Amino acid sequence: MNKLSESSEVVFTTGRVSNFFSNLTNQEEQFIYKDVNLSHIEQAKNSLKSANDDILSTIIECFKGRFDDITNTDNLFNALVKILDTEVYPEQGLDDVYGEDEVKLVIDRFCDLLSANGCDVMKIECEWDELKQLVVTTGLKTMTYVDVWAKLFSSSKKESLSNILHVAEILLVVPISNATLERMFSTMNRIHSDWRNCLGEKRVENLLRIWEEGPAPEKFDAQPVLARWTEKCATQRRPNVRPSGPRASGSKTKRNCLNLRLLKL
């Protein structure tokens, strides 16, 4: 935001405006551009700067209105960034209390959820200090945060850091925008259509999870699913029954004989 507010002069140093002024020559207080004398250049420049400042002010106000709550210290988004962004972790001994307030905020926000899933809330803060030390001393700090957390979730330390990793797992799935939710509504409309309006709530939920989290069709092995469908389903299935289509020649001949008998009668 600060960089944006300080960029009012950028309009004169980039793009077509910059090319224009670079080709503009000043001869005896007359400005010439490609053999054309131009007047009121200073007034035009001031007018352009004023219009540019107005546009920047409008953009900044829109940003402030959209992200005003991010500046609030009691904000989950701030805690999410500070905990997950391992690249900004301070070196060992420089800031031992880094992220403690944010960890406490997350614990207070998700205390019931963490406890219900077997997380020991009392150990999270101690494990947070151990995790910071591990990231800084093992060289993980130089990697992207995505690679760091992937390594931590699969490392030998995942058992001793299970509680703080549980917190990180929650933060990693926090939706930053509602785009995913909007896509899920569109998917639900395609699944629960007029032709399939008798689907139950649980069935729709399962189909939505398969659509969103399931494997790609080209990587999906349908054999185990078909085996389970034929062997363990609640209602009897008949997978060996011939599908609909042209009947066998014997059945066709028998039907023709019956038709002839009916005609004779």
C-alpha atoms as a PDB file:
ATOM      1  CA  MET A   1       0.000   0.000   0.000  1.00  0.00           C
ATOM      2  CA  ASN A   2       2.844   2.404   0.846  1.00  0.00           C
ATOM      3  CA  LYS A   3       4.629   1.594  -2.415  1.00  0.00           C
ATOM      4  CA  LEU A   4       1.445   2.297  -4.324  1.00  0.00           C
ATOM      5  CA  SER A   5       1.000   5.696  -2.668  1.00  0.00           C
ATOM      6  CA  GLU A   6       4.619   6.615  -3.449  1.00  0.00           C
ATOM      7  CA  SER A   7       4.363   5.726  -7.157  1.00  0.00           C
ATOM      8  CA  SER A   8       2.797   8.956  -8.424  1.00  0.00           C
ATOM      9  CA  GLU A   9       5.908   9.764 -10.489  1.00  0.00           C
ATOM     10  CA  VAL A  10       6.033   6.310 -12.104  1.00  0.00           C
ATOM     11  CA  VAL A  11       3.667   7.457 -14.842  1.00  0.00           C
ATOM     12  CA  PHE A  12       6.451   9.697 -16.230  1.00  0.00           C
ATOM     13  CA  THR A  13       9.138   6.991 -16.207  1.00  0.00           C
ATOM     14  CA  THR A  14       7.343   4.030 -17.781  1.00  0.00           C
ATOM     15  CA  GLY A  15       5.243   3.185 -20.819  1.00  0.00           C
ATOM     16  CA  ARG A  16       4.178   5.508 -23.598  1.00  0.00           C
ATOM     17  CA  VAL A  17       4.381   8.639 -21.452  1.00  0.00           C
ATOM     18  CA  SER A  18       8.058   7.944 -20.815  1.00  0.00           C
ATOM     19  CA  ASN A  19       8.656   7.436 -24.567  1.00  0.00           C
ATOM     20  CA  PHE A  20       6.869  10.690 -25.303  1.00  0.00           C
ATOM     21  CA  PHE A  21       8.982  12.772 -22.905  1.00  0.00           C
ATOM     22  CA  SER A  22      12.190  11.057 -24.017  1.00  0.00           C
ATOM     23  CA  ASN A  23      11.501  12.173 -27.625  1.00  0.00           C
ATOM     24  CA  LEU A  24      10.529  15.679 -26.538  1.00  0.00           C
ATOM     25  CA  THR A  25      13.185  18.351 -27.149  1.00  0.00           C
ATOM     26  CA  ASN A  26      13.409  21.799 -25.623  1.00  0.00           C
ATOM     27  CA  GLN A  27      14.744  24.477 -27.945  1.00  0.00           C
ATOM     28  CA  GLU A  28      14.706  28.078 -26.731  1.00  0.00           C
ATOM     29  CA  GLU A  29      11.858  27.379 -24.312  1.00  0.00           C
ATOM     30  CA  GLN A  30       9.846  25.704 -27.073  1.00  0.00           C
ATOM     31  CA  PHE A  31       8.977  22.019 -26.842  1.00  0.00           C
ATOM     32  CA  ILE A  32       9.229  20.088 -30.085  1.00  0.00           C
ATOM     33  CA  TYR A  33       7.972  16.555 -30.627  1.00  0.00           C
ATOM     34  CA  LYS A  34       8.741  15.007 -34.008  1.00  0.00           C
ATOM     35  CA  ASP A  35       9.094  18.435 -35.671  1.00  0.00           C
ATOM     36  CA  VAL A  36       5.855  19.691 -34.150  1.00  0.00           C
ATOM     37  CA  ASN A  37       5.877  22.667 -31.784  1.00  0.00           C
ATOM     38  CA  LEU A  38       3.911  21.992 -28.622  1.00  0.00           C
ATOM     39  CA  SER A  39       2.656  24.580 -26.193  1.00  0.00           C
ATOM     40  CA  HIS A  40       1.475  24.351 -22.586  1.00  0.00           C
ATOM     41  CA  ILE A  41       3.619  21.289 -21.875  1.00  0.00           C
ATOM     42  CA  GLU A  42       4.039  22.127 -18.205  1.00  0.00           C
ATOM     43  CA  GLN A  43       0.293  22.597 -17.756  1.00  0.00           C
ATOM     44  CA  ALA A  44      -0.348  19.261 -19.508  1.00  0.00           C
ATOM     45  CA  LYS A  45       2.235  17.550 -17.315  1.00  0.00           C
ATOM     46  CA  ASN A  46       0.672  18.930 -14.133  1.00  0.00           C
ATOM     47  CA  SER A  47      -2.782  17.906 -15.349  1.00  0.00           C
ATOM     48  CA  LEU A  48      -1.545  14.372 -16.069  1.00  0.00           C
ATOM     49  CA  LYS A  49       0.065  14.118 -12.639  1.00  0.00           C
ATOM     50  CA  SER A  50      -3.136  15.341 -10.970  1.00  0.00           C
ATOM     51  CA  ALA A  51      -5.251  12.781 -12.856  1.00  0.00           C
ATOM     52  CA  ASN A  52      -2.762  10.034 -12.001  1.00  0.00           C
ATOM     53  CA  ASP A  53      -2.860  10.990  -8.286  1.00  0.00           C
ATOM     54  CA  ASP A  54      -6.663  10.877  -8.326  1.00  0.00           C
ATOM     55  CA  ILE A  55      -6.617   7.379  -9.844  1.00  0.00           C
ATOM     56  CA  LEU A  56      -4.066   6.160  -7.284  1.00  0.00           C
ATOM     57  CA  SER A  57      -6.092   7.640  -4.422  1.00  0.00           C
ATOM     58  CA  THR A  58      -9.219   5.863  -5.639  1.00  0.00           C
ATOM     59  CA  ILE A  59      -7.360   2.536  -5.933  1.00  0.00           C
ATOM     60  CA  ILE A  60      -5.865   2.923  -2.435  1.00  0.00           C
ATOM     61  CA  GLU A  61      -9.278   3.689  -0.932  1.00  0.00           C
ATOM     62  CA  CYS A  62     -10.728   0.599  -2.612  1.00  0.00           C
ATOM     63  CA  PHE A  63      -7.903  -1.527  -1.203  1.00  0.00           C
ATOM     64  CA  LYS A  64      -8.433  -0.100   2.274  1.00  0.00           C
ATOM     65  CA  GLY A  65     -12.147  -0.750   2.114  1.00  0.00           C
ATOM     66  CA  ARG A  66     -11.612  -4.315   0.911  1.00  0.00           C
ATOM     67  CA  PHE A  67      -8.785  -5.285   3.269  1.00  0.00           C
ATOM     68  CA  ASP A  68      -9.361  -2.969   6.207  1.00  0.00           C
ATOM     69  CA  ASP A  69      -9.788  -5.815   8.717  1.00  0.00           C
ATOM     70  CA  ILE A  70      -6.365  -7.224   7.795  1.00  0.00           C
ATOM     71  CA  THR A  71      -4.739  -4.347   9.684  1.00  0.00           C
ATOM     72  CA  ASN A  72      -6.558  -5.435  12.821  1.00  0.00           C
ATOM     73  CA  THR A  73      -4.152  -7.182  15.206  1.00  0.00           C
ATOM     74  CA  ASP A  74      -6.854  -9.593  16.371  1.00  0.00           C
ATOM     75  CA  ASN A  75      -7.220 -11.093  12.923  1.00  0.00           C
ATOM     76  CA  LEU A  76      -6.977 -14.703  11.824  1.00  0.00           C
ATOM     77  CA  PHE A  77      -5.446 -13.770   8.480  1.00  0.00           C
ATOM     78  CA  ASN A  78      -2.494 -12.050  10.172  1.00  0.00           C
ATOM     79  CA  ALA A  79      -1.977 -15.104  12.362  1.00  0.00           C
ATOM     80  CA  LEU A  80      -2.166 -17.390   9.340  1.00  0.00           C
ATOM     81  CA  VAL A  81       0.522 -15.454   7.470  1.00  0.00           C
ATOM     82  CA  LYS A  82       2.856 -15.168  10.448  1.00  0.00           C
ATOM     83  CA  ILE A  83       2.652 -18.864  11.332  1.00  0.00           C
ATOM     84  CA  LEU A  84       2.788 -20.364   7.839  1.00  0.00           C
ATOM     85  CA  ASP A  85       5.329 -18.051   6.192  1.00  0.00           C
ATOM     86  CA  THR A  86       8.513 -19.819   7.275  1.00  0.00           C
ATOM     87  CA  GLU A  87      10.725 -17.538   5.147  1.00  0.00           C
ATOM     88  CA  VAL A  88      10.296 -14.670   7.630  1.00  0.00           C
ATOM     89  CA  TYR A  89      11.031 -16.667  10.769  1.00  0.00           C
ATOM     90  CA  PRO A  90      13.702 -14.760  12.764  1.00  0.00           C
ATOM     91  CA  GLU A  91      17.107 -16.286  13.338  1.00  0.00           C
ATOM     92  CA  GLN A  92      17.585 -18.198  16.558  1.00  0.00           C
ATOM     93  CA  GLY A  93      17.878 -15.902  19.568  1.00  0.00           C
ATOM     94  CA  LEU A  94      16.748 -12.717  17.794  1.00  0.00           C
ATOM     95  CA  ASP A  95      13.028 -12.940  18.569  1.00  0.00           C
ATOM     96  CA  ASP A  96      12.099 -15.839  20.828  1.00  0.00           C
ATOM     97  CA  VAL A  97       8.486 -14.660  21.214  1.00  0.00           C
ATOM     98  CA  TYR A  98       7.862 -14.439  17.462  1.00  0.00           C
ATOM     99  CA  GLY A  99       4.360 -15.684  16.606  1.00  0.00           C
ATOM    100  CA  GLU A 100       3.304 -16.519  20.169  1.00  0.00           C
ATOM    101  CA  ASP A 101       0.365 -14.096  20.186  1.00  0.00           C
ATOM    102  CA  GLU A 102      -0.795 -15.428  16.820  1.00  0.00           C
ATOM    103  CA  VAL A 103      -0.582 -19.036  18.031  1.00  0.00           C
ATOM    104  CA  LYS A 104      -2.656 -18.121  21.100  1.00  0.00           C
ATOM    105  CA  LEU A 105      -5.234 -16.448  18.857  1.00  0.00           C
ATOM    106  CA  VAL A 106      -5.544 -19.584  16.710  1.00  0.00           C
ATOM    107  CA  ILE A 107      -5.807 -21.787  19.798  1.00  0.00           C
ATOM    108  CA  ASP A 108      -8.622 -19.625  21.201  1.00  0.00           C
ATOM    109  CA  ARG A 109     -10.431 -19.606  17.854  1.00  0.00           C
ATOM    110  CA  PHE A 110     -10.228 -23.370  17.215  1.00  0.00           C
ATOM    111  CA  CYS A 111      -9.962 -24.718  20.778  1.00  0.00           C
ATOM    112  CA  ASP A 112     -13.099 -26.875  20.594  1.00  0.00           C
ATOM    113  CA  LEU A 113     -12.201 -28.260  17.177  1.00  0.00           C
ATOM    114  CA  LEU A 114      -8.636 -29.089  18.240  1.00  0.00           C
ATOM    115  CA  SER A 115      -9.745 -30.795  21.447  1.00  0.00           C
ATOM    116  CA  ALA A 116     -12.442 -32.777  19.657  1.00  0.00           C
ATOM    117  CA  ASN A 117      -9.802 -34.172  17.271  1.00  0.00           C
ATOM    118  CA  GLY A 118      -7.465 -35.340  20.033  1.00  0.00           C
ATOM    119  CA  CYS A 119      -5.065 -32.392  19.965  1.00  0.00           C
ATOM    120  CA  ASP A 120      -3.298 -31.540  23.242  1.00  0.00           C
ATOM    121  CA  VAL A 121      -3.830 -27.774  23.335  1.00  0.00           C
ATOM    122  CA  MET A 122      -1.472 -27.308  26.283  1.00  0.00           C
ATOM    123  CA  LYS A 123       1.535 -28.516  24.260  1.00  0.00           C
ATOM    124  CA  ILE A 124       1.021 -26.351  21.179  1.00  0.00           C
ATOM    125  CA  GLU A 125       3.024 -23.338  22.377  1.00  0.00           C
ATOM    126  CA  CYS A 126       6.042 -25.453  23.379  1.00  0.00           C
ATOM    127  CA  GLU A 127       5.943 -27.275  20.044  1.00  0.00           C
ATOM    128  CA  TRP A 128       5.763 -23.907  18.259  1.00  0.00           C
ATOM    129  CA  ASP A 129       9.147 -22.916  19.737  1.00  0.00           C
ATOM    130  CA  GLU A 130      10.604 -26.267  18.733  1.00  0.00           C
ATOM    131  CA  LEU A 131       9.240 -25.947  15.201  1.00  0.00           C
ATOM    132  CA  LYS A 132      10.741 -22.455  14.720  1.00  0.00           C
ATOM    133  CA  GLN A 133      14.113 -23.713  15.908  1.00  0.00           C
ATOM    134  CA  LEU A 134      13.918 -26.716  13.583  1.00  0.00           C
ATOM    135  CA  VAL A 135      13.118 -24.572  10.525  1.00  0.00           C
ATOM    136  CA  VAL A 136      15.902 -22.058  11.205  1.00  0.00           C
ATOM    137  CA  THR A 137      18.684 -24.485  12.169  1.00  0.00           C
ATOM    138  CA  THR A 138      18.132 -27.117   9.459  1.00  0.00           C
ATOM    139  CA  GLY A 139      18.139 -24.778   6.453  1.00  0.00           C
ATOM    140  CA  LEU A 140      14.419 -25.132   5.726  1.00  0.00           C
ATOM    141  CA  LYS A 141      14.056 -21.366   5.990  1.00  0.00           C
ATOM    142  CA  THR A 142      15.542 -20.958   2.501  1.00  0.00           C
ATOM    143  CA  MET A 143      12.778 -23.057   0.929  1.00  0.00           C
ATOM    144  CA  THR A 144       9.266 -21.947   0.014  1.00  0.00           C
ATOM    145  CA  TYR A 145       6.693 -22.343   2.747  1.00  0.00           C
ATOM    146  CA  VAL A 146       4.810 -24.982   0.719  1.00  0.00           C
ATOM    147  CA  ASP A 147       7.892 -27.220   0.513  1.00  0.00           C
ATOM    148  CA  VAL A 148       8.730 -26.605   4.181  1.00  0.00           C
ATOM    149  CA  TRP A 149       5.333 -27.727   5.445  1.00  0.00           C
ATOM    150  CA  ALA A 150       5.315 -30.702   3.086  1.00  0.00           C
ATOM    151  CA  LYS A 151       8.643 -31.819   4.563  1.00  0.00           C
ATOM    152  CA  LEU A 152       7.470 -31.245   8.141  1.00  0.00           C
ATOM    153  CA  PHE A 153       4.320 -33.317   7.634  1.00  0.00           C
ATOM    154  CA  SER A 154       6.397 -36.222   6.309  1.00  0.00           C
ATOM    155  CA  SER A 155       9.474 -35.893   8.556  1.00  0.00           C
ATOM    156  CA  SER A 156      10.469 -38.007  11.543  1.00  0.00           C
ATOM    157  CA  LYS A 157       9.547 -35.047  13.788  1.00  0.00           C
ATOM    158  CA  LYS A 158       5.870 -35.169  12.885  1.00  0.00           C
ATOM    159  CA  GLU A 159       5.035 -37.193  16.001  1.00  0.00           C
ATOM    160  CA  SER A 160       6.766 -34.825  18.442  1.00  0.00           C
ATOM    161  CA  LEU A 161       5.234 -31.829  16.620  1.00  0.00           C
ATOM    162  CA  SER A 162       1.837 -33.376  16.037  1.00  0.00           C
ATOM    163  CA  ASN A 163      -0.136 -30.707  17.908  1.00  0.00           C
ATOM    164  CA  ILE A 164       1.357 -27.643  16.199  1.00  0.00           C
ATOM    165  CA  LEU A 165       1.135 -29.477  12.860  1.00  0.00           C
ATOM    166  CA  HIS A 166      -2.554 -29.983  13.577  1.00  0.00           C
ATOM    167  CA  VAL A 167      -2.877 -26.185  13.881  1.00  0.00           C
ATOM    168  CA  ALA A 168      -0.934 -25.698  10.646  1.00  0.00           C
ATOM    169  CA  GLU A 169      -3.185 -28.193   8.885  1.00  0.00           C
ATOM    170  CA  ILE A 170      -6.233 -26.135   9.861  1.00  0.00           C
ATOM    171  CA  LEU A 171      -4.618 -22.899   8.684  1.00  0.00           C
ATOM    172  CA  LEU A 172      -3.551 -24.420   5.369  1.00  0.00           C
ATOM    173  CA  VAL A 173      -7.180 -25.145   4.439  1.00  0.00           C
ATOM    174  CA  VAL A 174      -8.594 -21.773   5.507  1.00  0.00           C
ATOM    175  CA  PRO A 175     -10.232 -20.336   2.358  1.00  0.00           C
ATOM    176  CA  ILE A 176      -8.797 -16.949   1.423  1.00  0.00           C
ATOM    177  CA  SER A 177     -11.637 -16.247  -1.015  1.00  0.00           C
ATOM    178  CA  ASN A 178     -15.088 -17.654  -1.713  1.00  0.00           C
ATOM    179  CA  ALA A 179     -14.169 -18.855  -5.221  1.00  0.00           C
ATOM    180  CA  THR A 180     -14.047 -22.504  -4.089  1.00  0.00           C
ATOM    181  CA  LEU A 181     -17.443 -22.171  -2.425  1.00  0.00           C
ATOM    182  CA  GLU A 182     -18.963 -20.658  -5.561  1.00  0.00           C
ATOM    183  CA  ARG A 183     -17.604 -23.533  -7.655  1.00  0.00           C
ATOM    184  CA  MET A 184     -19.082 -26.036  -5.203  1.00  0.00           C
ATOM    185  CA  PHE A 185     -22.533 -24.448  -5.559  1.00  0.00           C
ATOM    186  CA  SER A 186     -22.262 -24.727  -9.346  1.00  0.00           C
ATOM    187  CA  THR A 187     -21.181 -28.358  -9.036  1.00  0.00           C
ATOM    188  CA  MET A 188     -24.076 -29.115  -6.684  1.00  0.00           C
ATOM    189  CA  ASN A 189     -26.521 -27.660  -9.211  1.00  0.00           C
ATOM    190  CA  ARG A 190     -25.107 -30.003 -11.855  1.00  0.00           C
ATOM    191  CA  ILE A 191     -25.272 -33.046  -9.571  1.00  0.00           C
ATOM    192  CA  HIS A 192     -28.622 -32.377  -7.876  1.00  0.00           C
ATOM    193  CA  SER A 193     -30.450 -31.612 -11.120  1.00  0.00           C
ATOM    194  CA  ASP A 194     -34.102 -31.965 -12.129  1.00  0.00           C
ATOM    195  CA  TRP A 195     -33.344 -35.495 -13.328  1.00  0.00           C
ATOM    196  CA  ARG A 196     -31.723 -36.479 -10.003  1.00  0.00           C
ATOM    197  CA  ASN A 197     -33.827 -34.526  -7.528  1.00  0.00           C
ATOM    198  CA  CYS A 198     -34.357 -37.524  -5.225  1.00  0.00           C
ATOM    199  CA  LEU A 199     -30.726 -37.731  -4.105  1.00  0.00           C
ATOM    200  CA  GLY A 200     -30.354 -37.679  -0.337  1.00  0.00           C
ATOM    201  CA  GLU A 201     -28.228 -35.193   1.582  1.00  0.00           C
ATOM    202  CA  LYS A 202     -25.480 -37.712   2.350  1.00  0.00           C
ATOM    203  CA  ARG A 203     -25.318 -38.930  -1.257  1.00  0.00           C
ATOM    204  CA  VAL A 204     -25.003 -35.366  -2.563  1.00  0.00           C
ATOM    205  CA  GLU A 205     -22.237 -34.632  -0.035  1.00  0.00           C
ATOM    206  CA  ASN A 206     -20.320 -37.763  -1.081  1.00  0.00           C
ATOM    207  CA  LEU A 207     -20.621 -36.895  -4.771  1.00  0.00           C
ATOM    208  CA  LEU A 208     -19.423 -33.344  -4.099  1.00  0.00           C
ATOM    209  CA  ARG A 209     -16.388 -34.654  -2.204  1.00  0.00           C
ATOM    210  CA  ILE A 210     -15.568 -37.034  -5.037  1.00  0.00           C
ATOM    211  CA  TRP A 211     -15.851 -34.204  -7.540  1.00  0.00           C
ATOM    212  CA  GLU A 212     -13.700 -31.768  -5.544  1.00  0.00           C
ATOM    213  CA  GLU A 213     -11.170 -34.074  -3.873  1.00  0.00           C
ATOM    214  CA  GLY A 214     -11.250 -37.257  -5.944  1.00  0.00           C
ATOM    215  CA  PRO A 215      -8.624 -38.384  -8.446  1.00  0.00           C
ATOM    216  CA  ALA A 216      -8.643 -37.441 -12.101  1.00  0.00           C
ATOM    217  CA  PRO A 217     -10.773 -39.780 -14.280  1.00  0.00           C
ATOM    218  CA  GLU A 218      -7.731 -41.041 -16.201  1.00  0.00           C
ATOM    219  CA  LYS A 219      -6.049 -42.051 -12.920  1.00  0.00           C
ATOM    220  CA  PHE A 220      -9.096 -43.670 -11.323  1.00  0.00           C
ATOM    221  CA  ASP A 221      -9.228 -47.464 -11.054  1.00  0.00           C
ATOM    222  CA  ALA A 222     -12.925 -48.447 -11.201  1.00  0.00           C
ATOM    223  CA  GLN A 223     -12.448 -52.191 -10.605  1.00  0.00           C
ATOM    224  CA  PRO A 224     -12.488 -52.067  -6.751  1.00  0.00           C
ATOM    225  CA  VAL A 225     -15.566 -49.835  -6.819  1.00  0.00           C
ATOM    226  CA  LEU A 226     -17.424 -52.166  -9.175  1.00  0.00           C
ATOM    227  CA  ALA A 227     -16.471 -55.175  -7.055  1.00  0.00           C
ATOM    228  CA  ARG A 228     -17.802 -53.495  -3.924  1.00  0.00           C
ATOM    229  CA  TRP A 229     -20.955 -52.401  -5.756  1.00  0.00           C
ATOM    230  CA  THR A 230     -21.758 -55.967  -6.884  1.00  0.00           C
ATOM    231  CA  GLU A 231     -20.803 -57.759  -3.660  1.00  0.00           C
ATOM    232  CA  LYS A 232     -21.669 -55.492  -0.727  1.00  0.00           C
ATOM    233  CA  CYS A 233     -24.518 -53.258  -1.845  1.00  0.00           C
ATOM    234  CA  ALA A 234     -27.797 -53.286   0.072  1.00  0.00           C
ATOM    235  CA  THR A 235     -29.971 -54.207  -2.938  1.00  0.00           C
ATOM    236  CA  GLN A 236     -29.342 -57.108  -5.311  1.00  0.00           C
ATOM    237  CA  ARG A 237     -27.497 -56.285  -8.504  1.00  0.00           C
ATOM    238  CA  ARG A 238     -27.397 -58.319 -11.698  1.00  0.00           C
ATOM    239  CA  PRO A 239     -24.233 -57.292 -13.522  1.00  0.00           C
ATOM    240  CA  ASN A 240     -24.280 -60.383 -15.757  1.00  0.00           C
ATOM    241  CA  VAL A 241     -27.650 -59.536 -17.325  1.00  0.00           C
ATOM    242  CA  ARG A 242     -27.334 -58.642 -20.980  1.00  0.00           C
ATOM    243  CA  PRO A 243     -27.771 -54.886 -21.508  1.00  0.00           C
ATOM    244  CA  SER A 244     -30.666 -53.538 -23.521  1.00  0.00           C
ATOM    245  CA  GLY A 245     -30.360 -53.812 -27.285  1.00  0.00           C
ATOM    246  CA  PRO A 246     -31.270 -56.168 -30.127  1.00  0.00           C
ATOM    247  CA  ARG A 247     -32.610 -59.479 -28.869  1.00  0.00           C
ATOM    248  CA  ALA A 248     -31.123 -62.808 -29.865  1.00  0.00           C
ATOM    249  CA  SER A 249     -32.270 -64.353 -33.148  1.00  0.00           C
ATOM    250  CA  GLY A 250     -33.995 -67.246 -31.329  1.00  0.00           C
ATOM    251  CA  SER A 251     -36.178 -64.882 -29.347  1.00  0.00           C
ATOM    252  CA  LYS A 252     -37.026 -62.934 -32.490  1.00  0.00           C
ATOM    253  CA  THR A 253     -38.084 -66.088 -34.346  1.00  0.00           C
ATOM    254  CA  LYS A 254     -40.267 -67.207 -31.437  1.00  0.00           C
ATOM    255  CA  ARG A 255     -41.965 -63.823 -31.308  1.00  0.00           C
ATOM    256  CA  ASN A 256     -42.655 -63.927 -35.081  1.00  0.00           C
ATOM    257  CA  CYS A 257     -44.304 -67.366 -34.710  1.00  0.00           C
ATOM    258  CA  LEU A 258     -46.555 -66.021 -31.979  1.00  0.00           C
ATOM    259  CA  ASN A 259     -47.526 -63.087 -34.183  1.00  0.00           C
ATOM    260  CA  LEU A 260     -48.446 -65.442 -37.038  1.00  0.00           C
ATOM    261  CA  ARG A 261     -50.645 -67.528 -34.746  1.00  0.00           C
ATOM    262  CA  LEU A 262     -52.444 -64.417 -33.600  1.00  0.00           C
ATOM    263  CA  LEU A 263     -53.050 -63.362 -37.190  1.00  0.00           C
ATOM    264  CA  LYS A 264     -54.512 -66.781 -38.077  1.00  0.00           C
ATOM    265  CA  LEU A 265     -56.907 -66.504 -35.173  1.00  0.00           C
END
